[in-house]
Amino acid sequence: GPSKYYPAVPYNVDHFHTSCPIENWQDEYEIRYCELFGA
């Protein structure tokens, strides 16, 4: 997970949004483009 490496799909870091936590649950951008519980 931390390196965003899923070879059985395959996915790598290029297939994900830039890492960011959801800190403000009233921010539409964070909700849609940041990481839900770090995923």
Full PDB file with SEQRES, HELIX, SHEET, SSBOND, CRYST1, ORIGX, SCALE, CONECT and MASTER records, all heavy atoms in Angstrom:
SEQRES   1 A   39  GLY PRO SER LYS TYR TYR PRO ALA VAL PRO TYR ASN VAL          
SEQRES   2 A   39  ASP HIS PHE HIS THR SER CYS PRO ILE GLU ASN TRP GLN          
SEQRES   3 A   39  ASP GLU TYR GLU ILE ARG TYR CYS GLU LEU PHE GLY ALA          
HELIX    1 AA1 VAL A   13  HIS A   15  5                                   3    
HELIX    2 AA2 GLU A   28  TYR A   33  1                                   6    
HELIX    3 AA3 LEU A   36  GLY A   38  5                                   3    
SSBOND   1 CYS A   20    CYS A   34                          1555   1555  2.02  
CRYST1    1.000    1.000    1.000  90.00  90.00  90.00 P 1           1          
ORIGX1      1.000000  0.000000  0.000000        0.00000                         
ORIGX2      0.000000  1.000000  0.000000        0.00000                         
ORIGX3      0.000000  0.000000  1.000000        0.00000                         
SCALE1      1.000000  0.000000  0.000000        0.00000                         
SCALE2      0.000000  1.000000  0.000000        0.00000                         
SCALE3      0.000000  0.000000  1.000000        0.00000                         
ATOM      1  N   GLY A   1       0.788  -1.224   0.000  1.00  0.00           N  
ATOM      2  CA  GLY A   1       0.000   0.000   0.000  1.00  0.00           C  
ATOM      3  C   GLY A   1       0.818   1.269   0.000  1.00  0.00           C  
ATOM      4  O   GLY A   1       0.568   2.170  -0.815  1.00  0.00           O  
ATOM      5  N   PRO A   2       1.816   1.402   0.907  1.00  0.00           N  
ATOM      6  CA  PRO A   2       2.569   2.659   0.961  1.00  0.00           C  
ATOM      7  C   PRO A   2       3.247   3.033  -0.358  1.00  0.00           C  
ATOM      8  O   PRO A   2       3.337   4.216  -0.697  1.00  0.00           O  
ATOM      9  CB  PRO A   2       3.600   2.381   2.062  1.00  0.00           C  
ATOM     10  CG  PRO A   2       2.917   1.395   2.961  1.00  0.00           C  
ATOM     11  CD  PRO A   2       2.139   0.514   2.042  1.00  0.00           C  
ATOM     12  N   SER A   3       3.700   2.048  -1.130  1.00  0.00           N  
ATOM     13  CA  SER A   3       4.340   2.359  -2.410  1.00  0.00           C  
ATOM     14  C   SER A   3       3.372   2.276  -3.593  1.00  0.00           C  
ATOM     15  O   SER A   3       3.772   2.486  -4.742  1.00  0.00           O  
ATOM     16  CB  SER A   3       5.522   1.410  -2.648  1.00  0.00           C  
ATOM     17  OG  SER A   3       5.072   0.071  -2.771  1.00  0.00           O  
ATOM     18  N   LYS A   4       2.114   1.956  -3.305  1.00  0.00           N  
ATOM     19  CA  LYS A   4       1.061   1.864  -4.332  1.00  0.00           C  
ATOM     20  C   LYS A   4       1.450   0.881  -5.436  1.00  0.00           C  
ATOM     21  O   LYS A   4       1.356   1.176  -6.636  1.00  0.00           O  
ATOM     22  CB  LYS A   4       0.756   3.247  -4.919  1.00  0.00           C  
ATOM     23  CG  LYS A   4       0.317   4.262  -3.865  1.00  0.00           C  
ATOM     24  CD  LYS A   4       0.020   5.619  -4.464  1.00  0.00           C  
ATOM     25  CE  LYS A   4      -0.397   6.615  -3.387  1.00  0.00           C  
ATOM     26  NZ  LYS A   4      -0.632   7.968  -3.929  1.00  0.00           N  
ATOM     27  N   TYR A   5       1.821  -0.312  -5.015  1.00  0.00           N  
ATOM     28  CA  TYR A   5       2.322  -1.328  -5.945  1.00  0.00           C  
ATOM     29  C   TYR A   5       1.440  -2.567  -5.854  1.00  0.00           C  
ATOM     30  O   TYR A   5       1.391  -3.230  -4.815  1.00  0.00           O  
ATOM     31  CB  TYR A   5       3.770  -1.663  -5.590  1.00  0.00           C  
ATOM     32  CG  TYR A   5       4.415  -2.681  -6.509  1.00  0.00           C  
ATOM     33  CD1 TYR A   5       4.462  -2.486  -7.893  1.00  0.00           C  
ATOM     34  CD2 TYR A   5       4.979  -3.838  -5.984  1.00  0.00           C  
ATOM     35  CE1 TYR A   5       5.060  -3.410  -8.731  1.00  0.00           C  
ATOM     36  CE2 TYR A   5       5.593  -4.777  -6.825  1.00  0.00           C  
ATOM     37  CZ  TYR A   5       5.622  -4.564  -8.189  1.00  0.00           C  
ATOM     38  OH  TYR A   5       6.210  -5.482  -9.009  1.00  0.00           O  
ATOM     39  N   TYR A   6       0.719  -2.852  -6.957  1.00  0.00           N  
ATOM     40  CA  TYR A   6      -0.229  -3.966  -7.011  1.00  0.00           C  
ATOM     41  C   TYR A   6       0.038  -4.756  -8.299  1.00  0.00           C  
ATOM     42  O   TYR A   6      -0.692  -4.617  -9.287  1.00  0.00           O  
ATOM     43  CB  TYR A   6      -1.670  -3.450  -6.960  1.00  0.00           C  
ATOM     44  CG  TYR A   6      -1.916  -2.553  -5.762  1.00  0.00           C  
ATOM     45  CD1 TYR A   6      -1.659  -1.186  -5.838  1.00  0.00           C  
ATOM     46  CD2 TYR A   6      -2.357  -3.084  -4.561  1.00  0.00           C  
ATOM     47  CE1 TYR A   6      -1.842  -0.371  -4.730  1.00  0.00           C  
ATOM     48  CE2 TYR A   6      -2.549  -2.264  -3.448  1.00  0.00           C  
ATOM     49  CZ  TYR A   6      -2.283  -0.915  -3.542  1.00  0.00           C  
ATOM     50  OH  TYR A   6      -2.464  -0.121  -2.437  1.00  0.00           O  
ATOM     51  N   PRO A   7       1.069  -5.569  -8.323  1.00  0.00           N  
ATOM     52  CA  PRO A   7       1.497  -6.215  -9.573  1.00  0.00           C  
ATOM     53  C   PRO A   7       0.488  -7.183 -10.154  1.00  0.00           C  
ATOM     54  O   PRO A   7       0.534  -7.466 -11.366  1.00  0.00           O  
ATOM     55  CB  PRO A   7       2.787  -6.942  -9.161  1.00  0.00           C  
ATOM     56  CG  PRO A   7       2.681  -7.122  -7.677  1.00  0.00           C  
ATOM     57  CD  PRO A   7       1.938  -5.924  -7.182  1.00  0.00           C  
ATOM     58  N   ALA A   8      -0.422  -7.712  -9.350  1.00  0.00           N  
ATOM     59  CA  ALA A   8      -1.390  -8.678  -9.871  1.00  0.00           C  
ATOM     60  C   ALA A   8      -2.491  -8.019 -10.683  1.00  0.00           C  
ATOM     61  O   ALA A   8      -3.275  -8.708 -11.338  1.00  0.00           O  
ATOM     62  CB  ALA A   8      -1.994  -9.492  -8.718  1.00  0.00           C  
ATOM     63  N   VAL A   9      -2.564  -6.670 -10.678  1.00  0.00           N  
ATOM     64  CA  VAL A   9      -3.609  -6.010 -11.476  1.00  0.00           C  
ATOM     65  C   VAL A   9      -3.177  -5.812 -12.948  1.00  0.00           C  
ATOM     66  O   VAL A   9      -3.888  -6.322 -13.849  1.00  0.00           O  
ATOM     67  CB  VAL A   9      -4.058  -4.698 -10.812  1.00  0.00           C  
ATOM     68  CG1 VAL A   9      -5.128  -4.014 -11.683  1.00  0.00           C  
ATOM     69  CG2 VAL A   9      -4.622  -4.946  -9.412  1.00  0.00           C  
ATOM     70  N   PRO A  10      -2.111  -5.067 -13.308  1.00  0.00           N  
ATOM     71  CA  PRO A  10      -1.200  -4.342 -12.417  1.00  0.00           C  
ATOM     72  C   PRO A  10      -1.569  -2.855 -12.287  1.00  0.00           C  
ATOM     73  O   PRO A  10      -2.044  -2.234 -13.242  1.00  0.00           O  
ATOM     74  CB  PRO A  10       0.135  -4.489 -13.140  1.00  0.00           C  
ATOM     75  CG  PRO A  10      -0.243  -4.495 -14.603  1.00  0.00           C  
ATOM     76  CD  PRO A  10      -1.592  -5.141 -14.689  1.00  0.00           C  
ATOM     77  N   TYR A  11      -1.313  -2.325 -11.081  1.00  0.00           N  
ATOM     78  CA  TYR A  11      -1.336  -0.888 -10.808  1.00  0.00           C  
ATOM     79  C   TYR A  11       0.003  -0.525 -10.191  1.00  0.00           C  
ATOM     80  O   TYR A  11       0.611  -1.330  -9.459  1.00  0.00           O  
ATOM     81  CB  TYR A  11      -2.418  -0.514  -9.790  1.00  0.00           C  
ATOM     82  CG  TYR A  11      -3.851  -0.565 -10.271  1.00  0.00           C  
ATOM     83  CD1 TYR A  11      -4.851  -1.039  -9.417  1.00  0.00           C  
ATOM     84  CD2 TYR A  11      -4.235  -0.099 -11.519  1.00  0.00           C  
ATOM     85  CE1 TYR A  11      -6.183  -1.079  -9.813  1.00  0.00           C  
ATOM     86  CE2 TYR A  11      -5.572  -0.132 -11.928  1.00  0.00           C  
ATOM     87  CZ  TYR A  11      -6.534  -0.624 -11.068  1.00  0.00           C  
ATOM     88  OH  TYR A  11      -7.849  -0.660 -11.461  1.00  0.00           O  
ATOM     89  N   ASN A  12       0.431   0.717 -10.445  1.00  0.00           N  
ATOM     90  CA  ASN A  12       1.575   1.267  -9.735  1.00  0.00           C  
ATOM     91  C   ASN A  12       1.245   2.696  -9.335  1.00  0.00           C  
ATOM     92  O   ASN A  12       0.112   3.163  -9.528  1.00  0.00           O  
ATOM     93  CB  ASN A  12       2.853   1.179 -10.587  1.00  0.00           C  
ATOM     94  CG  ASN A  12       2.731   1.943 -11.898  1.00  0.00           C  
ATOM     95  OD1 ASN A  12       2.245   3.070 -11.933  1.00  0.00           O  
ATOM     96  ND2 ASN A  12       3.170   1.330 -12.997  1.00  0.00           N  
ATOM     97  N   VAL A  13       2.221   3.404  -8.813  1.00  0.00           N  
ATOM     98  CA  VAL A  13       1.982   4.733  -8.257  1.00  0.00           C  
ATOM     99  C   VAL A  13       1.366   5.691  -9.282  1.00  0.00           C  
ATOM    100  O   VAL A  13       0.630   6.626  -8.910  1.00  0.00           O  
ATOM    101  CB  VAL A  13       3.304   5.312  -7.682  1.00  0.00           C  
ATOM    102  CG1 VAL A  13       4.319   5.546  -8.801  1.00  0.00           C  
ATOM    103  CG2 VAL A  13       3.049   6.566  -6.876  1.00  0.00           C  
ATOM    104  N   ASP A  14       1.623   5.453 -10.570  1.00  0.00           N  
ATOM    105  CA  ASP A  14       1.106   6.358 -11.605  1.00  0.00           C  
ATOM    106  C   ASP A  14      -0.409   6.277 -11.778  1.00  0.00           C  
ATOM    107  O   ASP A  14      -1.003   7.141 -12.435  1.00  0.00           O  
ATOM    108  CB  ASP A  14       1.765   6.048 -12.950  1.00  0.00           C  
ATOM    109  CG  ASP A  14       3.264   6.302 -12.943  1.00  0.00           C  
ATOM    110  OD1 ASP A  14       3.700   7.180 -12.166  1.00  0.00           O  
ATOM    111  OD2 ASP A  14       3.991   5.618 -13.692  1.00  0.00           O  
ATOM    112  N   HIS A  15      -1.057   5.256 -11.223  1.00  0.00           N  
ATOM    113  CA  HIS A  15      -2.491   5.038 -11.434  1.00  0.00           C  
ATOM    114  C   HIS A  15      -3.349   5.579 -10.286  1.00  0.00           C  
ATOM    115  O   HIS A  15      -4.558   5.336 -10.253  1.00  0.00           O  
ATOM    116  CB  HIS A  15      -2.760   3.548 -11.620  1.00  0.00           C  
ATOM    117  CG  HIS A  15      -2.025   2.967 -12.787  1.00  0.00           C  
ATOM    118  ND1 HIS A  15      -1.130   1.935 -12.677  1.00  0.00           N  
ATOM    119  CD2 HIS A  15      -2.028   3.336 -14.109  1.00  0.00           C  
ATOM    120  CE1 HIS A  15      -0.618   1.661 -13.859  1.00  0.00           C  
ATOM    121  NE2 HIS A  15      -1.143   2.493 -14.740  1.00  0.00           N  
ATOM    122  N   PHE A  16      -2.728   6.340  -9.396  1.00  0.00           N  
ATOM    123  CA  PHE A  16      -3.433   6.855  -8.225  1.00  0.00           C  
ATOM    124  C   PHE A  16      -3.304   8.369  -8.153  1.00  0.00           C  
ATOM    125  O   PHE A  16      -2.380   8.967  -8.722  1.00  0.00           O  
ATOM    126  CB  PHE A  16      -2.845   6.242  -6.948  1.00  0.00           C  
ATOM    127  CG  PHE A  16      -3.033   4.747  -6.861  1.00  0.00           C  
ATOM    128  CD1 PHE A  16      -2.114   3.886  -7.458  1.00  0.00           C  
ATOM    129  CD2 PHE A  16      -4.124   4.204  -6.214  1.00  0.00           C  
ATOM    130  CE1 PHE A  16      -2.283   2.506  -7.393  1.00  0.00           C  
ATOM    131  CE2 PHE A  16      -4.304   2.828  -6.144  1.00  0.00           C  
ATOM    132  CZ  PHE A  16      -3.378   1.978  -6.747  1.00  0.00           C  
ATOM    133  N   HIS A  17      -4.261   8.976  -7.445  1.00  0.00           N  
ATOM    134  CA  HIS A  17      -4.136  10.397  -7.155  1.00  0.00           C  
ATOM    135  C   HIS A  17      -2.973  10.624  -6.191  1.00  0.00           C  
ATOM    136  O   HIS A  17      -2.593   9.718  -5.443  1.00  0.00           O  
ATOM    137  CB  HIS A  17      -5.436  10.932  -6.528  1.00  0.00           C  
ATOM    138  CG  HIS A  17      -6.585  10.947  -7.471  1.00  0.00           C  
ATOM    139  ND1 HIS A  17      -7.774  10.309  -7.214  1.00  0.00           N  
ATOM    140  CD2 HIS A  17      -6.736  11.533  -8.699  1.00  0.00           C  
ATOM    141  CE1 HIS A  17      -8.610  10.488  -8.226  1.00  0.00           C  
ATOM    142  NE2 HIS A  17      -8.004  11.228  -9.135  1.00  0.00           N  
ATOM    143  N   THR A  18      -2.443  11.834  -6.212  1.00  0.00           N  
ATOM    144  CA  THR A  18      -1.368  12.185  -5.285  1.00  0.00           C  
ATOM    145  C   THR A  18      -1.847  12.006  -3.849  1.00  0.00           C  
ATOM    146  O   THR A  18      -2.968  12.391  -3.504  1.00  0.00           O  
ATOM    147  CB  THR A  18      -0.923  13.637  -5.510  1.00  0.00           C  
ATOM    148  OG1 THR A  18      -0.517  13.785  -6.884  1.00  0.00           O  
ATOM    149  CG2 THR A  18       0.224  14.007  -4.586  1.00  0.00           C  
ATOM    150  N   SER A  19      -1.003  11.408  -3.032  1.00  0.00           N  
ATOM    151  CA  SER A  19      -1.402  11.129  -1.639  1.00  0.00           C  
ATOM    152  C   SER A  19      -1.733  12.411  -0.889  1.00  0.00           C  
ATOM    153  O   SER A  19      -0.978  13.393  -0.930  1.00  0.00           O  
ATOM    154  CB  SER A  19      -0.279  10.392  -0.906  1.00  0.00           C  
ATOM    155  OG  SER A  19      -0.125   9.087  -1.415  1.00  0.00           O  
ATOM    156  N   CYS A  20      -2.878  12.387  -0.218  1.00  0.00           N  
ATOM    157  CA  CYS A  20      -3.277  13.473   0.671  1.00  0.00           C  
ATOM    158  C   CYS A  20      -4.355  12.932   1.603  1.00  0.00           C  
ATOM    159  O   CYS A  20      -5.200  12.124   1.190  1.00  0.00           O  
ATOM    160  CB  CYS A  20      -3.785  14.696  -0.092  1.00  0.00           C  
ATOM    161  SG  CYS A  20      -5.146  14.358  -1.255  1.00  0.00           S  
ATOM    162  N   PRO A  21      -4.333  13.320   2.876  1.00  0.00           N  
ATOM    163  CA  PRO A  21      -5.364  12.846   3.800  1.00  0.00           C  
ATOM    164  C   PRO A  21      -6.640  13.671   3.662  1.00  0.00           C  
ATOM    165  O   PRO A  21      -6.605  14.822   3.203  1.00  0.00           O  
ATOM    166  CB  PRO A  21      -4.717  13.077   5.168  1.00  0.00           C  
ATOM    167  CG  PRO A  21      -3.845  14.277   4.956  1.00  0.00           C  
ATOM    168  CD  PRO A  21      -3.322  14.157   3.537  1.00  0.00           C  
ATOM    169  N   ILE A  22      -7.773  13.073   4.031  1.00  0.00           N  
ATOM    170  CA  ILE A  22      -9.017  13.849   4.132  1.00  0.00           C  
ATOM    171  C   ILE A  22      -9.044  14.463   5.522  1.00  0.00           C  
ATOM    172  O   ILE A  22      -9.244  13.781   6.526  1.00  0.00           O  
ATOM    173  CB  ILE A  22     -10.261  12.963   3.903  1.00  0.00           C  
ATOM    174  CG1 ILE A  22     -10.208  12.312   2.516  1.00  0.00           C  
ATOM    175  CG2 ILE A  22     -11.537  13.803   4.043  1.00  0.00           C  
ATOM    176  CD1 ILE A  22     -11.360  11.364   2.245  1.00  0.00           C  
ATOM    177  N   GLU A  23      -8.803  15.749   5.574  1.00  0.00           N  
ATOM    178  CA  GLU A  23      -8.780  16.465   6.853  1.00  0.00           C  
ATOM    179  C   GLU A  23     -10.025  17.318   7.045  1.00  0.00           C  
ATOM    180  O   GLU A  23     -10.503  17.503   8.170  1.00  0.00           O  
ATOM    181  CB  GLU A  23      -7.524  17.338   6.934  1.00  0.00           C  
ATOM    182  CG  GLU A  23      -6.231  16.520   6.918  1.00  0.00           C  
ATOM    183  CD  GLU A  23      -4.991  17.393   6.971  1.00  0.00           C  
ATOM    184  OE1 GLU A  23      -5.024  18.518   6.411  1.00  0.00           O  
ATOM    185  OE2 GLU A  23      -3.991  16.962   7.576  1.00  0.00           O  
ATOM    186  N   ASN A  24     -10.551  17.815   5.959  1.00  0.00           N  
ATOM    187  CA  ASN A  24     -11.738  18.671   6.012  1.00  0.00           C  
ATOM    188  C   ASN A  24     -12.873  17.973   5.276  1.00  0.00           C  
ATOM    189  O   ASN A  24     -12.879  17.923   4.041  1.00  0.00           O  
ATOM    190  CB  ASN A  24     -11.437  20.026   5.376  1.00  0.00           C  
ATOM    191  CG  ASN A  24     -12.639  20.957   5.382  1.00  0.00           C  
ATOM    192  OD1 ASN A  24     -13.694  20.622   5.921  1.00  0.00           O  
ATOM    193  ND2 ASN A  24     -12.487  22.120   4.780  1.00  0.00           N  
ATOM    194  N   TRP A  25     -13.840  17.442   6.021  1.00  0.00           N  
ATOM    195  CA  TRP A  25     -14.931  16.684   5.415  1.00  0.00           C  
ATOM    196  C   TRP A  25     -15.979  17.597   4.775  1.00  0.00           C  
ATOM    197  O   TRP A  25     -16.999  17.123   4.289  1.00  0.00           O  
ATOM    198  CB  TRP A  25     -15.578  15.756   6.443  1.00  0.00           C  
ATOM    199  CG  TRP A  25     -14.685  14.584   6.725  1.00  0.00           C  
ATOM    200  CD1 TRP A  25     -13.646  14.529   7.611  1.00  0.00           C  
ATOM    201  CD2 TRP A  25     -14.717  13.313   6.064  1.00  0.00           C  
ATOM    202  NE1 TRP A  25     -13.031  13.300   7.540  1.00  0.00           N  
ATOM    203  CE2 TRP A  25     -13.667  12.525   6.618  1.00  0.00           C  
ATOM    204  CE3 TRP A  25     -15.523  12.758   5.069  1.00  0.00           C  
ATOM    205  CZ2 TRP A  25     -13.414  11.230   6.203  1.00  0.00           C  
ATOM    206  CZ3 TRP A  25     -15.276  11.455   4.663  1.00  0.00           C  
ATOM    207  CH2 TRP A  25     -14.231  10.698   5.217  1.00  0.00           C  
ATOM    208  N   GLN A  26     -15.712  18.889   4.759  1.00  0.00           N  
ATOM    209  CA  GLN A  26     -16.552  19.822   3.998  1.00  0.00           C  
ATOM    210  C   GLN A  26     -15.833  20.332   2.753  1.00  0.00           C  
ATOM    211  O   GLN A  26     -16.292  21.267   2.104  1.00  0.00           O  
ATOM    212  CB  GLN A  26     -16.970  21.001   4.886  1.00  0.00           C  
ATOM    213  CG  GLN A  26     -17.962  20.622   5.970  1.00  0.00           C  
ATOM    214  CD  GLN A  26     -19.241  20.017   5.403  1.00  0.00           C  
ATOM    215  OE1 GLN A  26     -19.831  20.547   4.472  1.00  0.00           O  
ATOM    216  NE2 GLN A  26     -19.687  18.905   5.974  1.00  0.00           N  
ATOM    217  N   ASP A  27     -14.719  19.685   2.426  1.00  0.00           N  
ATOM    218  CA  ASP A  27     -13.962  20.052   1.242  1.00  0.00           C  
ATOM    219  C   ASP A  27     -14.212  18.994   0.167  1.00  0.00           C  
ATOM    220  O   ASP A  27     -13.752  17.855   0.276  1.00  0.00           O  
ATOM    221  CB  ASP A  27     -12.468  20.125   1.579  1.00  0.00           C  
ATOM    222  CG  ASP A  27     -11.620  20.643   0.419  1.00  0.00           C  
ATOM    223  OD1 ASP A  27     -11.844  20.193  -0.726  1.00  0.00           O  
ATOM    224  OD2 ASP A  27     -10.733  21.479   0.655  1.00  0.00           O  
ATOM    225  N   GLU A  28     -14.934  19.381  -0.881  1.00  0.00           N  
ATOM    226  CA  GLU A  28     -15.314  18.441  -1.929  1.00  0.00           C  
ATOM    227  C   GLU A  28     -14.094  17.824  -2.599  1.00  0.00           C  
ATOM    228  O   GLU A  28     -14.082  16.624  -2.907  1.00  0.00           O  
ATOM    229  CB  GLU A  28     -16.186  19.147  -2.966  1.00  0.00           C  
ATOM    230  CG  GLU A  28     -16.654  18.248  -4.101  1.00  0.00           C  
ATOM    231  CD  GLU A  28     -17.511  18.993  -5.110  1.00  0.00           C  
ATOM    232  OE1 GLU A  28     -17.939  20.124  -4.802  1.00  0.00           O  
ATOM    233  OE2 GLU A  28     -17.746  18.444  -6.201  1.00  0.00           O  
ATOM    234  N   TYR A  29     -13.063  18.619  -2.822  1.00  0.00           N  
ATOM    235  CA  TYR A  29     -11.867  18.093  -3.482  1.00  0.00           C  
ATOM    236  C   TYR A  29     -11.226  17.001  -2.634  1.00  0.00           C  
ATOM    237  O   TYR A  29     -10.879  15.923  -3.150  1.00  0.00           O  
ATOM    238  CB  TYR A  29     -10.847  19.207  -3.739  1.00  0.00           C  
ATOM    239  CG  TYR A  29      -9.590  18.680  -4.406  1.00  0.00           C  
ATOM    240  CD1 TYR A  29      -9.512  18.571  -5.787  1.00  0.00           C  
ATOM    241  CD2 TYR A  29      -8.499  18.258  -3.639  1.00  0.00           C  
ATOM    242  CE1 TYR A  29      -8.368  18.062  -6.402  1.00  0.00           C  
ATOM    243  CE2 TYR A  29      -7.358  17.737  -4.241  1.00  0.00           C  
ATOM    244  CZ  TYR A  29      -7.303  17.645  -5.618  1.00  0.00           C  
ATOM    245  OH  TYR A  29      -6.177  17.117  -6.214  1.00  0.00           O  
ATOM    246  N   GLU A  30     -11.047  17.251  -1.352  1.00  0.00           N  
ATOM    247  CA  GLU A  30     -10.416  16.250  -0.491  1.00  0.00           C  
ATOM    248  C   GLU A  30     -11.229  14.963  -0.450  1.00  0.00           C  
ATOM    249  O   GLU A  30     -10.675  13.857  -0.493  1.00  0.00           O  
ATOM    250  CB  GLU A  30     -10.241  16.803   0.929  1.00  0.00           C  
ATOM    251  CG  GLU A  30      -9.148  17.842   1.051  1.00  0.00           C  
ATOM    252  CD  GLU A  30      -8.861  18.202   2.500  1.00  0.00           C  
ATOM    253  OE1 GLU A  30      -9.327  17.480   3.413  1.00  0.00           O  
ATOM    254  OE2 GLU A  30      -8.166  19.207   2.725  1.00  0.00           O  
ATOM    255  N   ILE A  31     -12.542  15.099  -0.375  1.00  0.00           N  
ATOM    256  CA  ILE A  31     -13.400  13.909  -0.289  1.00  0.00           C  
ATOM    257  C   ILE A  31     -13.270  13.057  -1.542  1.00  0.00           C  
ATOM    258  O   ILE A  31     -13.231  11.825  -1.463  1.00  0.00           O  
ATOM    259  CB  ILE A  31     -14.864  14.332  -0.060  1.00  0.00           C  
ATOM    260  CG1 ILE A  31     -15.023  14.914   1.355  1.00  0.00           C  
ATOM    261  CG2 ILE A  31     -15.811  13.143  -0.260  1.00  0.00           C  
ATOM    262  CD1 ILE A  31     -16.365  15.556   1.598  1.00  0.00           C  
ATOM    263  N   ARG A  32     -13.160  13.675  -2.690  1.00  0.00           N  
ATOM    264  CA  ARG A  32     -13.172  12.927  -3.948  1.00  0.00           C  
ATOM    265  C   ARG A  32     -11.783  12.528  -4.448  1.00  0.00           C  
ATOM    266  O   ARG A  32     -11.663  11.563  -5.209  1.00  0.00           O  
ATOM    267  CB  ARG A  32     -13.886  13.746  -5.029  1.00  0.00           C  
ATOM    268  CG  ARG A  32     -15.396  13.739  -4.864  1.00  0.00           C  
ATOM    269  CD  ARG A  32     -16.079  14.583  -5.895  1.00  0.00           C  
ATOM    270  NE  ARG A  32     -17.507  14.263  -5.965  1.00  0.00           N  
ATOM    271  CZ  ARG A  32     -18.412  15.016  -6.582  1.00  0.00           C  
ATOM    272  NH1 ARG A  32     -18.044  16.128  -7.189  1.00  0.00           N  
ATOM    273  NH2 ARG A  32     -19.687  14.656  -6.615  1.00  0.00           N  
ATOM    274  N   TYR A  33     -10.747  13.235  -4.020  1.00  0.00           N  
ATOM    275  CA  TYR A  33      -9.436  12.988  -4.609  1.00  0.00           C  
ATOM    276  C   TYR A  33      -8.356  12.625  -3.599  1.00  0.00           C  
ATOM    277  O   TYR A  33      -7.253  12.249  -4.002  1.00  0.00           O  
ATOM    278  CB  TYR A  33      -8.984  14.207  -5.422  1.00  0.00           C  
ATOM    279  CG  TYR A  33      -9.907  14.492  -6.582  1.00  0.00           C  
ATOM    280  CD1 TYR A  33     -10.873  15.488  -6.507  1.00  0.00           C  
ATOM    281  CD2 TYR A  33      -9.828  13.743  -7.754  1.00  0.00           C  
ATOM    282  CE1 TYR A  33     -11.732  15.739  -7.563  1.00  0.00           C  
ATOM    283  CE2 TYR A  33     -10.682  13.988  -8.823  1.00  0.00           C  
ATOM    284  CZ  TYR A  33     -11.628  14.988  -8.717  1.00  0.00           C  
ATOM    285  OH  TYR A  33     -12.486  15.223  -9.769  1.00  0.00           O  
ATOM    286  N   CYS A  34      -8.652  12.718  -2.311  1.00  0.00           N  
ATOM    287  CA  CYS A  34      -7.682  12.316  -1.292  1.00  0.00           C  
ATOM    288  C   CYS A  34      -7.999  10.908  -0.803  1.00  0.00           C  
ATOM    289  O   CYS A  34      -8.903  10.255  -1.309  1.00  0.00           O  
ATOM    290  CB  CYS A  34      -7.663  13.326  -0.150  1.00  0.00           C  
ATOM    291  SG  CYS A  34      -6.977  14.944  -0.647  1.00  0.00           S  
ATOM    292  N   GLU A  35      -7.267  10.438   0.186  1.00  0.00           N  
ATOM    293  CA  GLU A  35      -7.281   9.025   0.544  1.00  0.00           C  
ATOM    294  C   GLU A  35      -8.211   8.744   1.729  1.00  0.00           C  
ATOM    295  O   GLU A  35      -7.998   9.250   2.831  1.00  0.00           O  
ATOM    296  CB  GLU A  35      -5.860   8.565   0.856  1.00  0.00           C  
ATOM    297  CG  GLU A  35      -4.972   8.635  -0.378  1.00  0.00           C  
ATOM    298  CD  GLU A  35      -3.517   8.305  -0.099  1.00  0.00           C  
ATOM    299  OE1 GLU A  35      -3.101   8.388   1.061  1.00  0.00           O  
ATOM    300  OE2 GLU A  35      -2.797   7.976  -1.067  1.00  0.00           O  
ATOM    301  N   LEU A  36      -9.222   7.936   1.471  1.00  0.00           N  
ATOM    302  CA  LEU A  36     -10.186   7.535   2.493  1.00  0.00           C  
ATOM    303  C   LEU A  36      -9.502   6.577   3.463  1.00  0.00           C  
ATOM    304  O   LEU A  36      -9.102   5.472   3.074  1.00  0.00           O  
ATOM    305  CB  LEU A  36     -11.394   6.870   1.828  1.00  0.00           C  
ATOM    306  CG  LEU A  36     -12.481   6.330   2.745  1.00  0.00           C  
ATOM    307  CD1 LEU A  36     -13.133   7.464   3.531  1.00  0.00           C  
ATOM    308  CD2 LEU A  36     -13.528   5.571   1.938  1.00  0.00           C  
ATOM    309  N   PHE A  37      -9.349   7.008   4.705  1.00  0.00           N  
ATOM    310  CA  PHE A  37      -8.682   6.201   5.741  1.00  0.00           C  
ATOM    311  C   PHE A  37      -7.311   5.710   5.268  1.00  0.00           C  
ATOM    312  O   PHE A  37      -6.884   4.599   5.595  1.00  0.00           O  
ATOM    313  CB  PHE A  37      -9.558   5.017   6.151  1.00  0.00           C  
ATOM    314  CG  PHE A  37     -10.923   5.415   6.627  1.00  0.00           C  
ATOM    315  CD1 PHE A  37     -12.059   4.837   6.073  1.00  0.00           C  
ATOM    316  CD2 PHE A  37     -11.094   6.387   7.609  1.00  0.00           C  
ATOM    317  CE1 PHE A  37     -13.322   5.209   6.493  1.00  0.00           C  
ATOM    318  CE2 PHE A  37     -12.357   6.766   8.041  1.00  0.00           C  
ATOM    319  CZ  PHE A  37     -13.474   6.172   7.471  1.00  0.00           C  
ATOM    320  N   GLY A  38      -6.630   6.534   4.483  1.00  0.00           N  
ATOM    321  CA  GLY A  38      -5.282   6.214   4.065  1.00  0.00           C  
ATOM    322  C   GLY A  38      -5.171   5.258   2.900  1.00  0.00           C  
ATOM    323  O   GLY A  38      -4.062   4.847   2.517  1.00  0.00           O  
ATOM    324  N   ALA A  39      -6.288   4.862   2.277  1.00  0.00           N  
ATOM    325  CA  ALA A  39      -6.256   3.897   1.175  1.00  0.00           C  
ATOM    326  C   ALA A  39      -5.898   4.604  -0.132  1.00  0.00           C  
ATOM    327  O   ALA A  39      -6.522   5.612  -0.477  1.00  0.00           O  
ATOM    328  CB  ALA A  39      -7.601   3.204   1.040  1.00  0.00           C  
TER     329      ALA A  39                                                      
CONECT  161  291                                                                
CONECT  291  161                                                                
MASTER        0    0    0    3    0    0    0    6  328    1    2    3          
END                                                                             
